[in-house]
Protein backbone atom coordinates (compact mmCIF):
# COMPACT_ATOMS: atom_id res chain seq x y z
CA UNK A 1 11.33 27.93 -18.43
CA UNK A 2 13.67 27.90 -15.45
CA UNK A 3 17.06 26.19 -15.52
CA UNK A 4 18.36 23.81 -12.89
CA UNK A 5 21.04 24.56 -10.30
CA UNK A 6 23.72 21.93 -9.69
CA UNK A 7 26.23 22.23 -6.85
CA UNK A 8 29.56 20.37 -6.73
CA UNK A 9 31.65 20.53 -3.57
CA UNK A 10 34.31 18.42 -1.89
CA UNK A 11 37.66 18.61 -0.17
CA UNK A 12 40.58 20.39 -1.78
CA UNK A 13 42.22 17.83 -4.08
CA UNK A 14 39.15 15.59 -4.46
CA UNK A 15 38.84 16.45 -8.16
CA UNK A 16 35.90 18.88 -8.17
CA UNK A 17 37.36 21.00 -10.97
CA UNK A 18 38.06 17.95 -13.15
CA UNK A 19 34.57 16.55 -12.55
CA UNK A 20 32.92 19.86 -13.44
CA UNK A 21 35.05 20.16 -16.60
CA UNK A 22 34.04 16.63 -17.61
CA UNK A 23 30.35 17.35 -17.03
CA UNK A 24 30.60 20.49 -19.15
CA UNK A 25 31.94 18.38 -22.02
CA UNK A 26 28.90 16.08 -21.74
CA UNK A 27 26.08 18.59 -21.37
CA UNK A 28 25.31 22.29 -21.77
CA UNK A 29 26.03 23.78 -18.36
CA UNK A 30 26.77 27.38 -17.52
CA UNK A 31 29.76 27.43 -15.15
CA UNK A 32 29.38 30.09 -12.52
CA UNK A 33 32.72 31.85 -12.08
CA UNK A 34 33.44 32.50 -8.40
CA UNK A 35 35.13 35.51 -6.87
CA UNK A 36 38.09 34.88 -4.58
CA UNK A 37 40.62 36.74 -2.49
CA UNK A 38 43.31 34.15 -3.14
CA UNK A 39 46.30 34.81 -5.37
CA UNK A 40 45.95 33.94 -9.05
CA UNK A 41 47.84 30.73 -9.91
CA UNK A 42 49.92 30.34 -13.08
CA UNK A 43 47.66 29.54 -16.04
CA UNK A 44 44.48 30.87 -14.42
CA UNK A 45 42.54 33.48 -16.36
CA UNK A 46 40.64 36.36 -14.75
CA UNK A 47 36.91 35.94 -15.38
CA UNK A 48 37.34 32.35 -16.60
CA UNK A 49 38.72 30.51 -13.58
CA UNK A 50 37.89 33.13 -10.96
CA UNK A 51 37.34 36.83 -10.44
CA UNK A 52 40.36 37.76 -8.34
CA UNK A 53 39.41 40.56 -5.93
CA UNK A 54 40.97 42.24 -2.93
CA UNK A 55 39.73 41.33 0.54
CA UNK A 56 38.25 44.84 0.84
CA UNK A 57 36.30 44.50 -2.41
CA UNK A 58 35.07 41.06 -1.37
CA UNK A 59 33.76 42.47 1.92
CA UNK A 60 31.98 45.26 0.00
CA UNK A 61 30.29 42.62 -2.18
CA UNK A 62 29.14 40.75 0.95
CA UNK A 63 27.64 43.96 2.37
CA UNK A 64 25.88 44.66 -0.95
CA UNK A 65 24.30 41.18 -0.98
CA UNK A 66 26.09 40.42 -4.24
CA UNK A 67 26.74 36.74 -3.43
CA UNK A 68 24.48 33.71 -3.73
CA UNK A 69 26.84 32.11 -1.21
CA UNK A 70 30.28 32.79 0.13
CA UNK A 71 32.77 31.04 2.37
CA UNK A 72 36.14 31.42 3.98
CA UNK A 73 38.46 28.51 3.32
CA UNK A 74 42.08 28.18 4.33
CA UNK A 75 42.39 31.90 5.03
CA UNK A 76 40.85 33.04 1.71
CA UNK A 77 37.31 33.99 0.76
CA UNK A 78 35.33 32.53 -2.13
CA UNK A 79 31.87 33.48 -3.34
CA UNK A 80 29.36 33.00 -6.14
CA UNK A 81 28.16 36.27 -7.69
CA UNK A 82 24.34 36.19 -7.51
CA UNK A 83 23.25 38.21 -10.58
CA UNK A 84 24.82 36.02 -13.32
CA UNK A 85 23.37 32.85 -11.75
CA UNK A 86 19.88 34.36 -11.53
CA UNK A 87 20.05 35.58 -15.13
CA UNK A 88 21.09 32.17 -16.48
CA UNK A 89 18.50 30.25 -14.47
CA UNK A 90 15.72 32.63 -15.53
CA UNK A 91 16.82 32.19 -19.16
CA UNK A 92 16.33 28.43 -18.74
CA UNK A 93 20.01 27.52 -18.63
CA UNK A 94 21.33 24.85 -16.28
CA UNK A 95 23.99 26.31 -13.96
CA UNK A 96 26.76 24.43 -12.16
CA UNK A 97 28.59 25.77 -9.12
CA UNK A 98 31.91 24.46 -7.82
CA UNK A 99 31.95 25.71 -4.25
CA UNK A 100 33.10 25.11 -0.69
CA UNK A 101 31.05 23.09 1.81
CA UNK A 102 30.21 26.27 3.76
CA UNK A 103 28.63 27.73 0.63
CA UNK A 104 26.71 24.53 -0.08
CA UNK A 105 25.30 24.73 3.44
CA UNK A 106 24.15 28.32 2.78
CA UNK A 107 22.36 27.23 -0.39
CA UNK A 108 20.70 24.32 1.44
CA UNK A 109 19.65 26.55 4.37
CA UNK A 110 18.22 29.14 1.97
CA UNK A 111 16.01 26.42 0.49
CA UNK A 112 17.19 27.07 -3.06
CA UNK A 113 16.13 24.25 -5.39
CA UNK A 114 19.35 22.49 -6.34
CA UNK A 115 20.91 19.09 -6.78
CA UNK A 116 24.04 18.87 -4.64
CA UNK A 117 27.02 16.54 -5.14
CA UNK A 118 29.91 15.95 -2.76
CA UNK A 119 33.01 14.57 -4.47
CA UNK A 120 35.32 12.55 -2.21
CA UNK A 121 38.64 10.80 -2.79
CA UNK A 122 38.77 7.05 -2.12
CA UNK A 123 40.75 7.74 1.09
CA UNK A 124 42.51 10.50 2.99
CA UNK A 125 45.82 8.84 2.06
CA UNK A 126 44.95 9.23 -1.63
CA UNK A 127 43.90 12.83 -1.00
CA UNK A 128 47.27 13.52 0.61
CA UNK A 129 49.04 11.99 -2.40
CA UNK A 130 47.02 14.19 -4.77
CA UNK A 131 47.82 17.32 -2.79
CA UNK A 132 51.53 16.42 -2.83
CA UNK A 133 51.47 15.78 -6.61
CA UNK A 134 50.19 19.32 -7.17
CA UNK A 135 53.56 20.59 -6.01
CA UNK A 136 52.16 23.96 -4.93
CA UNK A 137 51.36 23.14 -1.30
CA UNK A 138 53.74 23.14 1.67
CA UNK A 139 53.62 20.64 4.56
CA UNK A 140 51.65 22.89 6.90
CA UNK A 141 49.11 23.62 4.18
CA UNK A 142 48.75 19.90 3.34
CA UNK A 143 48.15 19.09 7.01
CA UNK A 144 45.56 21.90 7.28
CA UNK A 145 43.77 20.77 4.09
CA UNK A 146 43.65 17.16 5.31
CA UNK A 147 42.18 18.29 8.65
CA UNK A 148 39.55 20.36 6.82
CA UNK A 149 38.82 17.46 4.46
CA UNK A 150 38.15 15.07 7.35
CA UNK A 151 35.70 17.59 8.85
CA UNK A 152 33.95 18.14 5.50
CA UNK A 153 33.64 14.40 4.82
CA UNK A 154 32.06 13.95 8.26
CA UNK A 155 29.53 16.74 7.53
CA UNK A 156 28.58 15.60 4.00
CA UNK A 157 25.83 13.04 4.78
CA UNK A 158 22.55 14.88 5.18
CA UNK A 159 23.84 18.04 3.52
CA UNK A 160 24.41 16.69 0.01
CA UNK A 161 21.99 14.77 -2.20
CA UNK A 162 24.76 12.49 -3.50
CA UNK A 163 28.24 11.57 -2.29
CA UNK A 164 30.37 10.32 -5.19
CA UNK A 165 33.79 8.73 -4.80
CA UNK A 166 36.35 9.97 -7.31
CA UNK A 167 38.63 6.96 -7.60
CA UNK A 168 38.47 6.88 -11.41
CA UNK A 169 37.76 10.31 -12.91
CA UNK A 170 35.80 9.18 -15.98
CA UNK A 171 33.66 6.82 -13.91
CA UNK A 172 33.01 9.61 -11.39
CA UNK A 173 31.96 12.02 -14.16
CA UNK A 174 29.64 9.39 -15.66
CA UNK A 175 28.07 8.68 -12.27
CA UNK A 176 27.39 12.36 -11.56
CA UNK A 177 26.08 12.87 -15.11
CA UNK A 178 23.62 9.97 -14.68
CA UNK A 179 22.44 11.36 -11.33
CA UNK A 180 21.79 14.76 -12.94
CA UNK A 181 19.01 13.22 -14.99
């Protein structure tokens, strides 16, 4: 039996991580840990939240074809290691990816069977408020993330199977869970 591949993407601050965590509480999903060149944040655990790698190592992994998808976002690279995803799917496990829009596009273009969700905030004003509440983002970074978010939201129709508004987290999780059936 082959497992199913679920993809969750959305702008920075839309609540992707919270939605994925909620889905994992509701159903058995293997979370694919991404590799990134960004700096490890306080509380993040190597191999649990991300694999933190140098830019040089990331480029080597690209050249080796080690990624299912990869993207550059806000000056950092993110990618999904291919082998663990293939192993889990072949074992019949359902796998969930939390990735950037660029990566979702790569999966769609490759024709990989997947169900893709785009999580959006109720408004860009709410997204800005969420980014400010994080307290780890300066003004220039907030402006850049909002610009990227507007572009991603404009690209989402046609790329994703479902666009889900995250106004109320539990309702959003329930809606995505129901659509996974």
